[in-house]
Amino acid sequence: MFNFTIFKLGISSHFGLYNLPFNLEEYMVNCPMFHLNVVTGFSMEMMELLMQGEIDVAIVKDSYFSPFRLYRQTPEKSVCLQFF
């Protein structure tokens, strides 16, 4: 029997297409006990899933020219953790 944690990640489609593949291999090697459940879509959809508790973290853009932002839902609000 395996003991692992499922981490639900919501990301914008653009980030998922162009950035995620390069980072996913390193993540899987360094974090073998965490399994990713990745959902992609529009940034607004990812923020809605985050606020509803359907995903653990959202990586989204506010606009086409803004940097990507990493959000985590707290009991009070969504908190931006990092820009990249």
C-alpha atoms as a PDB file:
ATOM      1  CA  MET A   1       0.000   0.000   0.000  1.00  0.00           C
ATOM      2  CA  PHE A   2       1.292   3.444  -0.947  1.00  0.00           C
ATOM      3  CA  ASN A   3       1.057   6.484   1.293  1.00  0.00           C
ATOM      4  CA  PHE A   4       0.865   9.577  -0.843  1.00  0.00           C
ATOM      5  CA  THR A   5      -0.794  12.973  -0.903  1.00  0.00           C
ATOM      6  CA  ILE A   6      -2.850  14.222  -3.818  1.00  0.00           C
ATOM      7  CA  PHE A   7      -2.217  17.895  -4.548  1.00  0.00           C
ATOM      8  CA  LYS A   8      -4.871  19.623  -6.678  1.00  0.00           C
ATOM      9  CA  LEU A   9      -3.329  22.288  -8.919  1.00  0.00           C
ATOM     10  CA  GLY A  10      -5.294  24.659 -11.141  1.00  0.00           C
ATOM     11  CA  ILE A  11      -3.341  26.504 -13.816  1.00  0.00           C
ATOM     12  CA  SER A  12      -4.127  28.777 -16.698  1.00  0.00           C
ATOM     13  CA  SER A  13      -4.082  27.018 -20.049  1.00  0.00           C
ATOM     14  CA  HIS A  14      -1.156  29.123 -21.301  1.00  0.00           C
ATOM     15  CA  PHE A  15       1.028  28.238 -18.303  1.00  0.00           C
ATOM     16  CA  GLY A  16       0.020  24.598 -18.568  1.00  0.00           C
ATOM     17  CA  LEU A  17       0.981  24.431 -22.208  1.00  0.00           C
ATOM     18  CA  TYR A  18       4.270  26.327 -22.137  1.00  0.00           C
ATOM     19  CA  ASN A  19       5.661  26.158 -18.581  1.00  0.00           C
ATOM     20  CA  LEU A  20       4.321  23.101 -16.791  1.00  0.00           C
ATOM     21  CA  PRO A  21       5.973  20.374 -18.913  1.00  0.00           C
ATOM     22  CA  PHE A  22       9.444  21.736 -18.117  1.00  0.00           C
ATOM     23  CA  ASN A  23       8.775  21.862 -14.378  1.00  0.00           C
ATOM     24  CA  LEU A  24       6.759  18.677 -13.987  1.00  0.00           C
ATOM     25  CA  GLU A  25       9.623  16.221 -14.449  1.00  0.00           C
ATOM     26  CA  GLU A  26      11.708  17.865 -11.707  1.00  0.00           C
ATOM     27  CA  TYR A  27       8.699  17.938  -9.381  1.00  0.00           C
ATOM     28  CA  MET A  28       7.999  14.232  -9.900  1.00  0.00           C
ATOM     29  CA  VAL A  29      11.628  13.317  -9.148  1.00  0.00           C
ATOM     30  CA  ASN A  30      11.895  15.531  -6.058  1.00  0.00           C
ATOM     31  CA  CYS A  31       8.434  14.876  -4.612  1.00  0.00           C
ATOM     32  CA  PRO A  32       7.559  11.219  -5.291  1.00  0.00           C
ATOM     33  CA  MET A  33       5.056  11.019  -2.413  1.00  0.00           C
ATOM     34  CA  PHE A  34       2.916  13.825  -3.852  1.00  0.00           C
ATOM     35  CA  HIS A  35       0.667  13.111  -6.786  1.00  0.00           C
ATOM     36  CA  LEU A  36      -0.611  16.003  -8.877  1.00  0.00           C
ATOM     37  CA  ASN A  37      -4.148  16.365 -10.094  1.00  0.00           C
ATOM     38  CA  VAL A  38      -3.836  19.176 -12.661  1.00  0.00           C
ATOM     39  CA  VAL A  39      -6.795  21.176 -13.953  1.00  0.00           C
ATOM     40  CA  THR A  40      -6.334  23.748 -16.734  1.00  0.00           C
ATOM     41  CA  GLY A  41      -8.579  26.492 -18.011  1.00  0.00           C
ATOM     42  CA  PHE A  42      -9.087  30.225 -17.996  1.00  0.00           C
ATOM     43  CA  SER A  43      -7.598  32.113 -15.048  1.00  0.00           C
ATOM     44  CA  MET A  44     -11.038  33.213 -13.842  1.00  0.00           C
ATOM     45  CA  GLU A  45     -12.226  29.591 -13.816  1.00  0.00           C
ATOM     46  CA  MET A  46      -9.175  28.541 -11.776  1.00  0.00           C
ATOM     47  CA  MET A  47      -9.837  31.276  -9.197  1.00  0.00           C
ATOM     48  CA  GLU A  48     -13.468  30.135  -8.915  1.00  0.00           C
ATOM     49  CA  LEU A  49     -12.325  26.531  -8.317  1.00  0.00           C
ATOM     50  CA  LEU A  50      -9.875  27.768  -5.689  1.00  0.00           C
ATOM     51  CA  MET A  51     -12.555  29.761  -3.848  1.00  0.00           C
ATOM     52  CA  GLN A  52     -14.865  26.728  -3.958  1.00  0.00           C
ATOM     53  CA  GLY A  53     -12.150  24.495  -2.464  1.00  0.00           C
ATOM     54  CA  GLU A  54     -11.967  22.292  -5.567  1.00  0.00           C
ATOM     55  CA  ILE A  55      -8.207  22.924  -6.001  1.00  0.00           C
ATOM     56  CA  ASP A  56      -5.413  23.613  -3.500  1.00  0.00           C
ATOM     57  CA  VAL A  57      -3.450  26.209  -5.486  1.00  0.00           C
ATOM     58  CA  ALA A  58      -4.095  28.310  -8.609  1.00  0.00           C
ATOM     59  CA  ILE A  59      -1.437  29.638 -10.982  1.00  0.00           C
ATOM     60  CA  VAL A  60      -3.100  32.373 -13.032  1.00  0.00           C
ATOM     61  CA  LYS A  61      -2.602  35.683 -14.826  1.00  0.00           C
ATOM     62  CA  ASP A  62      -4.600  38.811 -14.083  1.00  0.00           C
ATOM     63  CA  SER A  63      -4.173  39.993 -17.664  1.00  0.00           C
ATOM     64  CA  TYR A  64      -2.204  39.139 -20.771  1.00  0.00           C
ATOM     65  CA  PHE A  65       0.716  41.386 -19.763  1.00  0.00           C
ATOM     66  CA  SER A  66       0.817  40.606 -16.054  1.00  0.00           C
ATOM     67  CA  PRO A  67       3.148  38.025 -14.501  1.00  0.00           C
ATOM     68  CA  PHE A  68       1.794  34.658 -13.421  1.00  0.00           C
ATOM     69  CA  ARG A  69       0.656  34.601  -9.792  1.00  0.00           C
ATOM     70  CA  LEU A  70       0.404  31.715  -7.362  1.00  0.00           C
ATOM     71  CA  TYR A  71      -2.694  31.819  -5.127  1.00  0.00           C
ATOM     72  CA  ARG A  72      -3.704  29.756  -2.102  1.00  0.00           C
ATOM     73  CA  GLN A  73      -7.117  29.911  -0.455  1.00  0.00           C
ATOM     74  CA  THR A  74      -7.266  30.657   3.268  1.00  0.00           C
ATOM     75  CA  PRO A  75     -10.451  30.587   5.357  1.00  0.00           C
ATOM     76  CA  GLU A  76     -10.741  34.373   4.965  1.00  0.00           C
ATOM     77  CA  LYS A  77      -9.590  35.039   1.374  1.00  0.00           C
ATOM     78  CA  SER A  78      -7.384  34.072  -1.552  1.00  0.00           C
ATOM     79  CA  VAL A  79      -3.755  35.018  -0.905  1.00  0.00           C
ATOM     80  CA  CYS A  80      -1.177  35.691  -3.622  1.00  0.00           C
ATOM     81  CA  LEU A  81       1.999  33.834  -2.629  1.00  0.00           C
ATOM     82  CA  GLN A  82       4.399  34.451  -5.501  1.00  0.00           C
ATOM     83  CA  PHE A  83       4.884  36.215  -8.841  1.00  0.00           C
ATOM     84  CA  PHE A  84       6.794  34.539 -11.673  1.00  0.00           C
END
